[in-house]
Amino acid sequence: MRRQNRLKSLSWAAIALGMSYSAYSQTSLKSAYQKDFLIGTALGTSHIEERNETANQLIKREFNAITAENIMKSEVIHPEWNRYNFGLADKFVEYGQKNNMYIVGHTLVWHSQLPRFVSKINSPDSVRLFMTEHIKTVAGRYAGKINSWDVVNEALNEDGTLRKSVFLNKLGEGYLKEAFELVAKADPKAALYYNDYNIEQPAKRKGAIELIKKLQASGTKIDGVGIQGHWSINTLNLKVIEDAIVEFSQLGIKIAFTELDLTVLPNPWDLRGADVNQNFEGSPKMNPYTTGLPDSVQVTLAQKYEDLFKLFLKHKDKISRVTFWGVNDGHSWLNGFPIRGRTNYPLLFDREFKPKLAYKSVLELKAAK
């Protein structure tokens, strides 16, 4: 109760007056955590093209790592068999370079957001050729410029078994090893990660550990695992997250939290994770905060982020990066998932790029030390 009262008192006046974050923060996320781990964000097209100067200044001030939210996914960067769109990806890399940021390529092998022509491929040899040429071309183009790649994304089912994707169906389990080896050859200096959601959960975690151990046993380079971190303020389970940090670190790899956001909205049918193929019809009960987030929910969100970052700091020797999946609430994909048209508030900055109470709570963890 004492902590809740303290959080309620934090910066409500500043937020109510519409003060910018720089008006009451003398530091930034990246500087506060510079000795602990990288603090990142996902960039959309508008950020890469620097269309909004307020957003641009916030990104440069607060974050020292960037991930390509969508523009490096294969349907965007490789829409036709013999055609690639490198324009936005080039700008993304240039943005990171000129701002001295850690650059994450996302993602090379994923069953979702594939170019349309892939669904028409029937031959295993042709699927292998697509995967091989895609990796060689994309990873090769940015060799030495990308700091880490999410090589394979979301290859597991919730029970820890391998997802029946086009890659598994046509190439078998060996596609995982092939993918990592192709990237290691194309971009030998980059750190290579396996990335997935819900892999902090015991069954799926077990599958991810088995996947990583098999790659390691075969001599395949894998440097880390990305736990996405699409969680809810209503069901956040710190114990399973800590268990996952400990168990993955025992494999001798680094852990990144790659797509962090905390939904504040009801979760239909107890949906977990980030399977973008799911969608649900909405109702007013599923979209309760259309005119703004109540103070009580702001406090809860701040408490959950504080608890989470306390855990991250406890295990900072094992964690390489914490990346928020979006710059501000208006940018978040959770406004459209799993129910379209909702108003969500899962990040540290509001729709006007002003800091929320959660931002203050994350910063104050370092100020108190």
Protein backbone atom coordinates (compact mmCIF):
# COMPACT_ATOMS: atom_id res chain seq x y z
CA MET A 1 0.00 0.00 0.00
CA ARG A 2 2.88 2.35 0.78
CA ARG A 3 4.38 1.82 -2.69
CA GLN A 4 1.03 2.51 -4.35
CA ASN A 5 0.69 5.80 -2.52
CA ARG A 6 4.21 6.76 -3.54
CA LEU A 7 3.52 5.99 -7.18
CA LYS A 8 0.29 7.97 -7.13
CA SER A 9 2.22 11.02 -6.06
CA LEU A 10 4.74 10.79 -8.88
CA SER A 11 4.48 13.53 -11.50
CA TRP A 12 0.70 13.67 -11.78
CA ALA A 13 0.92 17.44 -11.81
CA ALA A 14 3.46 17.40 -14.61
CA ILE A 15 1.38 15.00 -16.68
CA ALA A 16 -1.82 16.95 -16.09
CA LEU A 17 -0.14 20.18 -17.21
CA GLY A 18 1.07 18.49 -20.40
CA MET A 19 4.74 19.03 -19.68
CA SER A 20 7.17 17.32 -22.00
CA TYR A 21 9.33 14.53 -20.64
CA SER A 22 12.45 16.68 -20.88
CA ALA A 23 10.79 19.20 -18.59
CA TYR A 24 10.93 16.92 -15.59
CA SER A 25 13.53 14.32 -16.49
CA GLN A 26 17.19 15.17 -16.33
CA THR A 27 18.21 11.78 -17.63
CA SER A 28 16.93 9.22 -20.14
CA LEU A 29 16.25 5.53 -20.28
CA LYS A 30 19.39 4.74 -22.23
CA SER A 31 21.64 6.77 -19.95
CA ALA A 32 20.04 5.45 -16.76
CA TYR A 33 20.56 1.84 -17.86
CA GLN A 34 23.77 2.26 -19.84
CA LYS A 35 25.75 0.02 -17.48
CA ASP A 36 23.05 -2.65 -17.37
CA PHE A 37 21.65 -3.40 -20.82
CA LEU A 38 20.60 -1.69 -24.02
CA ILE A 39 17.21 0.04 -24.14
CA GLY A 40 15.55 -0.27 -27.52
CA THR A 41 12.42 0.48 -29.50
CA ALA A 42 10.82 -0.73 -32.71
CA LEU A 43 10.73 1.78 -35.54
CA GLY A 44 7.92 2.12 -38.04
CA THR A 45 8.10 3.77 -41.44
CA SER A 46 7.26 7.25 -40.12
CA HIS A 47 10.09 7.05 -37.59
CA ILE A 48 12.62 5.82 -40.14
CA GLU A 49 11.67 8.67 -42.46
CA GLU A 50 11.77 11.15 -39.54
CA ARG A 51 8.35 12.58 -40.36
CA ASN A 52 7.59 13.69 -36.80
CA GLU A 53 10.32 15.71 -35.12
CA THR A 54 8.89 15.14 -31.63
CA ALA A 55 9.06 11.39 -32.16
CA ASN A 56 12.50 11.68 -33.69
CA GLN A 57 13.92 13.61 -30.75
CA LEU A 58 12.36 11.20 -28.26
CA ILE A 59 13.83 8.16 -30.04
CA LYS A 60 17.31 9.66 -30.17
CA ARG A 61 17.15 10.78 -26.53
CA GLU A 62 15.71 7.67 -24.90
CA PHE A 63 16.91 4.65 -26.89
CA ASN A 64 20.26 3.23 -27.95
CA ALA A 65 18.93 0.22 -29.87
CA ILE A 66 16.42 -0.01 -32.72
CA THR A 67 14.55 -2.90 -34.32
CA ALA A 68 12.85 -2.85 -37.72
CA GLU A 69 9.19 -3.32 -36.82
CA ASN A 70 7.91 -4.42 -40.24
CA ILE A 71 10.04 -3.17 -43.12
CA MET A 72 12.56 -6.04 -43.06
CA LYS A 73 9.93 -8.78 -42.99
CA SER A 74 10.01 -10.77 -46.18
CA GLU A 75 6.67 -9.63 -47.63
CA VAL A 76 7.97 -6.05 -47.57
CA ILE A 77 11.64 -6.43 -48.40
CA HIS A 78 11.25 -9.35 -50.86
CA PRO A 79 7.77 -9.07 -52.47
CA GLU A 80 8.58 -11.00 -55.65
CA TRP A 81 10.96 -13.85 -56.42
CA ASN A 82 13.53 -11.70 -58.17
CA ARG A 83 12.68 -8.31 -56.65
CA TYR A 84 13.71 -6.73 -53.37
CA ASN A 85 12.67 -3.42 -51.79
CA PHE A 86 15.68 -2.12 -49.89
CA GLY A 87 14.70 1.55 -49.69
CA LEU A 88 13.25 1.64 -46.17
CA ALA A 89 15.64 -1.00 -44.83
CA ASP A 90 18.57 1.08 -46.06
CA LYS A 91 17.12 4.15 -44.33
CA PHE A 92 16.58 2.15 -41.14
CA VAL A 93 20.22 1.07 -41.04
CA GLU A 94 21.39 4.59 -41.88
CA TYR A 95 19.24 5.95 -39.04
CA GLY A 96 20.90 3.62 -36.56
CA GLN A 97 24.38 4.36 -37.85
CA LYS A 98 24.09 8.13 -37.75
CA ASN A 99 22.66 8.00 -34.21
CA ASN A 100 25.20 5.45 -32.96
CA MET A 101 22.55 2.86 -32.14
CA TYR A 102 22.59 -0.92 -31.84
CA ILE A 103 20.76 -2.17 -34.95
CA VAL A 104 18.54 -5.27 -34.94
CA GLY A 105 17.42 -6.93 -38.17
CA HIS A 106 13.95 -8.43 -37.81
CA THR A 107 13.33 -11.06 -39.14
CA LEU A 108 14.80 -13.44 -41.73
CA VAL A 109 12.81 -16.69 -41.42
CA TRP A 110 9.18 -16.46 -40.28
CA HIS A 111 6.05 -18.34 -41.28
CA SER A 112 3.97 -15.16 -41.24
CA GLN A 113 4.09 -12.04 -43.42
CA LEU A 114 5.64 -14.02 -46.24
CA PRO A 115 5.46 -12.75 -49.83
CA ARG A 116 2.46 -14.10 -51.71
CA PHE A 117 4.48 -16.17 -54.15
CA VAL A 118 5.78 -18.40 -51.35
CA SER A 119 2.32 -19.88 -50.77
CA LYS A 120 2.34 -21.12 -54.36
CA ILE A 121 5.62 -23.03 -54.00
CA ASN A 122 5.19 -26.80 -53.88
CA SER A 123 8.75 -28.00 -54.32
CA PRO A 124 11.00 -28.41 -51.26
CA ASP A 125 13.96 -27.42 -53.44
CA SER A 126 12.24 -24.17 -54.35
CA VAL A 127 11.43 -23.39 -50.69
CA ARG A 128 15.06 -24.01 -49.81
CA LEU A 129 16.18 -21.81 -52.69
CA PHE A 130 13.85 -19.01 -51.52
CA MET A 131 15.16 -19.21 -47.95
CA THR A 132 18.77 -19.43 -49.06
CA GLU A 133 18.63 -16.56 -51.54
CA HIS A 134 16.59 -14.40 -49.18
CA ILE A 135 19.10 -14.78 -46.36
CA LYS A 136 22.16 -14.41 -48.58
CA THR A 137 20.74 -11.29 -50.22
CA VAL A 138 19.30 -9.51 -47.18
CA ALA A 139 21.86 -10.48 -44.53
CA GLY A 140 24.63 -10.10 -47.06
CA ARG A 141 23.57 -6.58 -48.00
CA TYR A 142 23.80 -5.40 -44.39
CA ALA A 143 26.79 -7.47 -43.34
CA GLY A 144 28.86 -5.54 -40.83
CA LYS A 145 26.08 -2.97 -40.37
CA ILE A 146 23.52 -5.01 -38.43
CA ASN A 147 24.50 -5.79 -34.84
CA SER A 148 22.12 -8.72 -34.39
CA TRP A 149 19.60 -10.68 -36.42
CA ASP A 150 16.39 -12.33 -35.32
CA VAL A 151 17.24 -15.28 -37.55
CA VAL A 152 14.19 -17.48 -36.97
CA ASN A 153 10.98 -16.11 -35.53
CA GLU A 154 8.18 -18.02 -33.78
CA ALA A 155 9.02 -21.57 -34.88
CA LEU A 156 7.28 -23.20 -31.89
CA ASN A 157 3.75 -24.10 -30.88
CA GLU A 158 2.50 -23.40 -27.35
CA ASP A 159 3.30 -26.98 -26.27
CA GLY A 160 6.90 -26.59 -27.38
CA THR A 161 6.63 -28.65 -30.56
CA LEU A 162 7.74 -27.25 -33.88
CA ARG A 163 5.16 -25.18 -35.74
CA LYS A 164 3.99 -26.74 -39.01
CA SER A 165 5.17 -23.83 -41.15
CA VAL A 166 6.01 -23.97 -44.83
CA PHE A 167 9.65 -24.32 -43.81
CA LEU A 168 9.09 -27.29 -41.51
CA ASN A 169 6.64 -28.96 -43.89
CA LYS A 170 8.92 -28.68 -46.92
CA LEU A 171 12.40 -28.83 -45.41
CA GLY A 172 12.01 -30.65 -42.11
CA GLU A 173 13.55 -29.68 -38.79
CA GLY A 174 16.91 -29.11 -40.45
CA TYR A 175 15.75 -25.76 -41.81
CA LEU A 176 16.57 -24.21 -38.43
CA LYS A 177 20.21 -25.22 -38.62
CA GLU A 178 20.38 -24.20 -42.29
CA ALA A 179 18.98 -20.76 -41.55
CA PHE A 180 21.41 -19.99 -38.73
CA GLU A 181 24.37 -21.28 -40.74
CA LEU A 182 23.39 -19.20 -43.77
CA VAL A 183 23.19 -16.03 -41.69
CA ALA A 184 26.47 -16.79 -39.92
CA LYS A 185 28.13 -17.11 -43.32
CA ALA A 186 26.48 -14.02 -44.82
CA ASP A 187 27.10 -11.77 -41.80
CA PRO A 188 29.75 -13.38 -39.57
CA LYS A 189 30.06 -10.46 -37.13
CA ALA A 190 26.37 -10.20 -36.21
CA ALA A 191 24.90 -11.80 -33.09
CA LEU A 192 22.30 -14.43 -34.01
CA TYR A 193 19.08 -14.83 -32.00
CA TYR A 194 16.08 -17.13 -31.92
CA ASN A 195 12.98 -15.00 -31.20
CA ASP A 196 9.54 -16.10 -29.95
CA TYR A 197 6.60 -15.24 -27.70
CA ASN A 198 5.50 -17.13 -24.58
CA ILE A 199 8.82 -18.94 -24.34
CA GLU A 200 8.93 -17.93 -20.70
CA GLN A 201 6.03 -20.35 -20.19
CA PRO A 202 7.23 -23.83 -19.06
CA ALA A 203 6.09 -26.01 -21.98
CA LYS A 204 7.14 -23.64 -24.72
CA ARG A 205 10.32 -22.77 -22.85
CA LYS A 206 11.25 -26.45 -22.79
CA GLY A 207 10.80 -26.60 -26.55
CA ALA A 208 12.93 -23.51 -27.08
CA ILE A 209 15.69 -24.91 -24.88
CA GLU A 210 15.65 -28.16 -26.85
CA LEU A 211 15.80 -26.22 -30.12
CA ILE A 212 18.78 -24.19 -28.93
CA LYS A 213 20.58 -27.22 -27.51
CA LYS A 214 20.24 -29.04 -30.83
CA LEU A 215 21.74 -26.10 -32.68
CA GLN A 216 24.59 -25.89 -30.20
CA ALA A 217 25.24 -29.65 -30.36
CA SER A 218 25.53 -29.43 -34.14
CA GLY A 219 28.13 -26.67 -33.87
CA THR A 220 25.74 -24.03 -35.21
CA LYS A 221 26.27 -20.46 -34.11
CA ILE A 222 23.49 -19.08 -31.90
CA ASP A 223 24.27 -16.18 -29.56
CA GLY A 224 21.01 -15.48 -27.84
CA VAL A 225 17.30 -15.92 -27.37
CA GLY A 226 14.68 -13.21 -27.71
CA ILE A 227 11.74 -13.39 -25.31
CA GLN A 228 9.15 -11.11 -26.86
CA GLY A 229 7.39 -9.97 -23.70
CA HIS A 230 3.87 -9.28 -24.95
CA TRP A 231 2.28 -9.41 -21.50
CA SER A 232 -0.67 -8.06 -19.56
CA ILE A 233 -0.82 -5.99 -16.37
CA ASN A 234 -3.51 -8.42 -15.22
CA THR A 235 -1.53 -11.66 -15.59
CA LEU A 236 2.15 -10.70 -15.42
CA ASN A 237 3.99 -13.64 -13.84
CA LEU A 238 7.43 -12.63 -12.62
CA LYS A 239 8.32 -16.11 -11.42
CA VAL A 240 8.01 -17.76 -14.82
CA ILE A 241 9.94 -14.88 -16.39
CA GLU A 242 12.73 -15.26 -13.85
CA ASP A 243 12.79 -19.03 -14.31
CA ALA A 244 13.16 -18.47 -18.05
CA ILE A 245 16.01 -16.00 -17.59
CA VAL A 246 17.90 -18.46 -15.41
CA GLU A 247 17.29 -21.51 -17.59
CA PHE A 248 18.15 -19.83 -20.89
CA SER A 249 21.29 -18.29 -19.41
CA GLN A 250 22.45 -21.75 -18.37
CA LEU A 251 22.80 -22.50 -22.09
CA GLY A 252 25.61 -19.97 -22.29
CA ILE A 253 23.63 -17.50 -24.40
CA LYS A 254 22.39 -13.96 -23.85
CA ILE A 255 18.74 -13.10 -23.27
CA ALA A 256 17.01 -10.15 -24.90
CA PHE A 257 13.50 -8.96 -24.21
CA THR A 258 12.72 -8.04 -27.76
CA GLU A 259 9.13 -6.79 -28.09
CA LEU A 260 8.10 -5.57 -24.66
CA ASP A 261 4.65 -4.11 -24.04
CA LEU A 262 2.07 -4.52 -21.27
CA THR A 263 -1.55 -4.44 -22.40
CA VAL A 264 -3.97 -2.76 -20.03
CA LEU A 265 -7.07 -4.08 -21.80
CA PRO A 266 -9.16 -7.21 -21.22
CA ASN A 267 -7.75 -10.27 -22.95
CA PRO A 268 -10.49 -12.24 -24.80
CA TRP A 269 -10.58 -15.93 -23.98
CA ASP A 270 -7.36 -15.56 -22.02
CA LEU A 271 -5.39 -15.18 -25.24
CA ARG A 272 -1.65 -15.21 -24.73
CA GLY A 273 1.16 -14.15 -26.97
CA ALA A 274 1.34 -12.57 -30.38
CA ASP A 275 0.01 -14.86 -33.07
CA VAL A 276 -0.89 -12.24 -35.67
CA ASN A 277 -3.19 -14.65 -37.48
CA GLN A 278 -5.76 -14.39 -34.67
CA ASN A 279 -8.44 -11.73 -34.47
CA PHE A 280 -11.62 -11.26 -32.46
CA GLU A 281 -14.85 -9.36 -32.71
CA GLY A 282 -14.97 -6.54 -30.20
CA SER A 283 -17.44 -5.19 -27.68
CA PRO A 284 -17.53 -2.10 -25.43
CA LYS A 285 -16.29 -4.26 -22.53
CA MET A 286 -13.18 -5.07 -24.54
CA ASN A 287 -12.41 -1.39 -25.24
CA PRO A 288 -13.11 0.42 -21.95
CA TYR A 289 -10.63 3.33 -22.12
CA THR A 290 -11.47 5.15 -25.34
CA THR A 291 -11.27 8.59 -23.74
CA GLY A 292 -8.18 8.05 -21.61
CA LEU A 293 -6.57 5.78 -19.05
CA PRO A 294 -7.91 6.06 -15.48
CA ASP A 295 -5.40 7.09 -12.82
CA SER A 296 -5.80 3.76 -11.04
CA VAL A 297 -4.76 1.88 -14.18
CA GLN A 298 -1.84 4.26 -14.74
CA VAL A 299 -0.65 3.35 -11.25
CA THR A 300 -1.00 -0.38 -11.90
CA LEU A 301 0.88 -0.11 -15.20
CA ALA A 302 3.67 1.80 -13.46
CA GLN A 303 3.88 -0.80 -10.69
CA LYS A 304 4.10 -3.67 -13.19
CA TYR A 305 6.85 -1.98 -15.18
CA GLU A 306 8.71 -1.24 -11.94
CA ASP A 307 8.44 -4.88 -10.84
CA LEU A 308 9.57 -6.08 -14.24
CA PHE A 309 12.60 -3.81 -14.42
CA LYS A 310 13.59 -4.77 -10.87
CA LEU A 311 13.73 -8.33 -12.13
CA PHE A 312 15.73 -7.29 -15.20
CA LEU A 313 18.23 -5.46 -13.00
CA LYS A 314 18.55 -8.49 -10.73
CA HIS A 315 19.68 -10.48 -13.76
CA LYS A 316 21.39 -7.74 -15.74
CA ASP A 317 24.47 -9.92 -16.22
CA LYS A 318 22.35 -12.27 -18.33
CA ILE A 319 20.35 -9.70 -20.31
CA SER A 320 21.72 -7.95 -23.39
CA ARG A 321 18.79 -5.73 -24.35
CA VAL A 322 15.26 -4.65 -23.46
CA THR A 323 13.33 -3.38 -26.49
CA PHE A 324 9.87 -1.83 -26.32
CA TRP A 325 7.61 -2.79 -29.20
CA GLY A 326 6.77 0.73 -30.27
CA VAL A 327 7.75 4.30 -29.56
CA ASN A 328 4.49 5.45 -27.97
CA ASP A 329 0.95 4.25 -27.28
CA GLY A 330 -0.39 5.49 -30.59
CA HIS A 331 2.23 3.49 -32.46
CA SER A 332 1.53 0.22 -30.66
CA TRP A 333 0.28 -2.76 -32.66
CA LEU A 334 -1.93 -3.61 -29.66
CA ASN A 335 -4.43 -0.97 -30.76
CA GLY A 336 -5.40 -3.45 -33.47
CA PHE A 337 -4.69 -6.84 -31.87
CA PRO A 338 -6.44 -9.09 -31.03
CA ILE A 339 -9.44 -6.79 -31.56
CA ARG A 340 -9.28 -4.07 -34.16
CA GLY A 341 -9.93 -0.45 -33.30
CA ARG A 342 -9.19 -0.60 -29.59
CA THR A 343 -7.39 2.11 -27.63
CA ASN A 344 -4.49 0.59 -25.71
CA TYR A 345 -1.84 2.15 -23.48
CA PRO A 346 0.97 -0.45 -23.21
CA LEU A 347 4.13 1.66 -23.44
CA LEU A 348 5.98 4.34 -21.47
CA PHE A 349 4.98 7.29 -23.65
CA ASP A 350 1.46 8.45 -24.44
CA ARG A 351 -0.04 9.39 -27.80
CA GLU A 352 1.44 12.87 -27.59
CA PHE A 353 4.91 11.45 -26.85
CA LYS A 354 4.70 12.57 -23.25
CA PRO A 355 6.05 10.28 -20.53
CA LYS A 356 3.61 8.32 -18.42
CA LEU A 357 3.88 7.39 -14.77
CA ALA A 358 5.40 4.09 -15.91
CA TYR A 359 8.33 5.97 -17.46
CA LYS A 360 8.98 7.72 -14.18
CA SER A 361 8.81 4.47 -12.22
CA VAL A 362 11.35 2.79 -14.51
CA LEU A 363 13.74 5.74 -14.26
CA GLU A 364 13.41 6.04 -10.48
CA LEU A 365 14.65 2.48 -10.04
CA LYS A 366 18.06 3.77 -11.12
CA ALA A 367 17.81 7.11 -9.35
CA ALA A 368 17.27 5.30 -6.05
CA LYS A 369 20.55 3.40 -6.34
